[in-house]
Amino acid sequence: MPIKLENVGIAVRDLDATIAFFTDLGLPVLGRAEVSGEWADTAVGLDGNHARIAMLQTPDGEGRLELFEYLHPDAIETEPTRPHEIGMHRVAFQVDDIEEALAIAARHGCHPLRGVATYEDVYKLTYLRGPSGILVMFAQDLAKS
């Protein structure tokens, strides 16, 4: 059976701020909507499910992020995931210029957890906290630089 990744879904506290962060990084918005009703309750497994959503596309056309802000039931604030915790870990992007990506992230108040590391002269890597505490990794392939 062929299988293809459809998207990565991320619940966020502020949909507009999160869209601004990812569009500044170059991900265009494919569409926005509000979803609710019996079909949404069934699909997600929450009664009274009502959310604002946005679908963003990676510039290479291969990946998509679905961002959603719950209107009902109330969103539950949790501590942001740490790199060593079990569960959804991070969203990773290959970037042409890690310093440029970090400058864009900084305009949104997002900074590296510790700094930028170089892995065996192959990649420059960093993790940062994006909107709603999302862990985001930037990786610059040094062979392409």
Protein backbone atom coordinates (compact mmCIF):
# COMPACT_ATOMS: atom_id res chain seq x y z
CA MET A 1 0.00 0.00 0.00
CA PRO A 2 1.53 3.35 -0.99
CA ILE A 3 1.55 5.95 1.77
CA LYS A 4 2.34 9.66 1.66
CA LEU A 5 2.61 12.17 4.48
CA GLU A 6 -0.41 14.48 4.24
CA ASN A 7 0.59 17.12 6.79
CA VAL A 8 1.80 17.79 10.29
CA GLY A 9 -0.89 19.30 12.51
CA ILE A 10 -0.02 21.73 15.28
CA ALA A 11 -2.44 23.23 17.80
CA VAL A 12 -1.49 26.85 18.50
CA ARG A 13 -2.52 29.56 20.92
CA ASP A 14 -2.60 32.38 18.32
CA LEU A 15 -3.24 31.32 14.72
CA ASP A 16 -2.45 34.71 13.17
CA ALA A 17 0.90 35.08 14.98
CA THR A 18 1.88 31.52 14.03
CA ILE A 19 0.93 32.09 10.40
CA ALA A 20 3.04 35.27 10.38
CA PHE A 21 6.06 33.35 11.72
CA PHE A 22 5.87 30.56 9.14
CA THR A 23 4.99 32.81 6.18
CA ASP A 24 7.99 35.00 7.00
CA LEU A 25 10.08 31.84 6.73
CA GLY A 26 8.65 31.31 3.23
CA LEU A 27 5.69 28.94 3.72
CA PRO A 28 2.70 30.25 1.77
CA VAL A 29 -0.82 29.85 3.09
CA LEU A 30 -2.84 27.45 0.95
CA GLY A 31 -6.10 28.19 2.72
CA ARG A 32 -7.87 29.14 5.92
CA ALA A 33 -11.19 27.97 7.32
CA GLU A 34 -13.26 27.31 10.41
CA VAL A 35 -14.22 23.70 11.00
CA SER A 36 -16.97 22.31 13.19
CA GLY A 37 -19.88 19.92 13.10
CA GLU A 38 -20.46 16.22 13.47
CA TRP A 39 -17.84 15.27 10.88
CA ALA A 40 -15.17 17.26 12.77
CA ASP A 41 -16.26 15.78 16.12
CA THR A 42 -15.97 12.28 14.66
CA ALA A 43 -12.65 12.83 12.88
CA VAL A 44 -10.90 14.47 15.84
CA GLY A 45 -12.69 12.65 18.65
CA LEU A 46 -13.87 15.78 20.49
CA ASP A 47 -17.50 16.74 21.04
CA GLY A 48 -18.29 20.28 19.95
CA ASN A 49 -15.00 20.55 18.06
CA HIS A 50 -14.68 24.05 16.57
CA ALA A 51 -11.38 25.43 15.32
CA ARG A 52 -9.85 28.03 13.06
CA ILE A 53 -7.37 26.32 10.74
CA ALA A 54 -4.77 27.24 8.16
CA MET A 55 -2.84 25.00 5.76
CA LEU A 56 0.68 26.12 4.83
CA GLN A 57 2.93 24.63 2.15
CA THR A 58 6.69 24.30 2.24
CA PRO A 59 8.31 26.17 -0.66
CA ASP A 60 9.50 22.89 -2.24
CA GLY A 61 5.86 21.78 -2.53
CA GLU A 62 6.48 18.54 -0.62
CA GLY A 63 5.38 19.32 2.95
CA ARG A 64 2.42 20.95 4.61
CA LEU A 65 1.66 22.24 8.09
CA GLU A 66 -1.91 22.40 9.34
CA LEU A 67 -2.20 24.93 12.12
CA PHE A 68 -5.30 25.02 14.27
CA GLU A 69 -6.55 27.30 17.03
CA TYR A 70 -9.34 25.76 19.09
CA LEU A 71 -12.41 27.87 19.74
CA HIS A 72 -14.15 24.91 21.45
CA PRO A 73 -13.37 23.00 23.51
CA ASP A 74 -11.04 25.46 25.20
CA ALA A 75 -7.41 24.87 24.33
CA ILE A 76 -5.38 23.31 27.13
CA GLU A 77 -2.08 24.99 27.87
CA THR A 78 0.76 22.55 28.48
CA GLU A 79 4.44 22.96 29.08
CA PRO A 80 6.34 23.09 25.79
CA THR A 81 7.87 19.76 24.80
CA ARG A 82 11.53 19.42 25.63
CA PRO A 83 13.91 17.75 23.15
CA HIS A 84 14.22 14.52 25.16
CA GLU A 85 10.51 13.96 25.92
CA ILE A 86 8.49 11.19 24.28
CA GLY A 87 5.91 12.37 21.77
CA MET A 88 5.78 14.90 18.97
CA HIS A 89 9.25 16.33 18.90
CA ARG A 90 9.84 19.17 16.46
CA VAL A 91 9.32 20.55 12.99
CA ALA A 92 12.59 20.66 11.04
CA PHE A 93 13.40 22.81 8.02
CA GLN A 94 16.41 22.78 5.76
CA VAL A 95 17.38 26.39 5.10
CA ASP A 96 19.86 27.95 2.67
CA ASP A 97 21.13 30.47 5.24
CA ILE A 98 20.70 29.68 8.92
CA GLU A 99 21.61 33.22 9.99
CA GLU A 100 18.88 34.66 7.76
CA ALA A 101 16.36 32.15 9.13
CA LEU A 102 17.36 33.08 12.69
CA ALA A 103 16.99 36.79 11.91
CA ILE A 104 13.45 36.14 10.66
CA ALA A 105 12.65 34.07 13.76
CA ALA A 106 14.08 36.80 16.02
CA ARG A 107 11.62 39.31 14.55
CA HIS A 108 8.94 37.08 16.09
CA GLY A 109 10.72 36.89 19.45
CA CYS A 110 12.04 33.37 18.75
CA HIS A 111 15.67 32.57 19.53
CA PRO A 112 17.88 29.45 19.65
CA LEU A 113 17.64 27.32 22.77
CA ARG A 114 21.41 27.42 23.14
CA GLY A 115 23.13 28.47 19.91
CA VAL A 116 24.10 27.20 16.47
CA ALA A 117 26.10 23.96 16.30
CA THR A 118 28.15 22.58 13.44
CA TYR A 119 27.90 18.83 12.89
CA GLU A 120 31.06 17.38 11.29
CA ASP A 121 31.35 20.28 8.82
CA VAL A 122 28.20 18.89 7.16
CA TYR A 123 25.36 20.85 8.80
CA LYS A 124 24.80 23.91 10.92
CA LEU A 125 21.88 23.14 13.25
CA THR A 126 19.83 24.88 15.89
CA TYR A 127 16.59 24.39 17.81
CA LEU A 128 14.39 27.30 18.79
CA ARG A 129 10.99 27.88 20.33
CA GLY A 130 8.52 29.13 17.77
CA PRO A 131 5.03 30.47 18.46
CA SER A 132 3.07 28.55 21.11
CA GLY A 133 6.33 26.92 22.23
CA ILE A 134 6.68 24.81 19.06
CA LEU A 135 10.16 23.31 18.76
CA VAL A 136 11.57 24.27 15.37
CA MET A 137 14.89 23.07 13.97
CA PHE A 138 16.82 24.86 11.25
CA ALA A 139 19.50 22.91 9.37
CA GLN A 140 21.84 24.43 6.80
CA ASP A 141 23.57 21.89 4.52
CA LEU A 142 27.15 23.19 4.37
CA ALA A 143 27.88 21.21 1.19
CA LYS A 144 25.25 23.35 -0.59
CA SER A 145 26.54 26.63 0.88
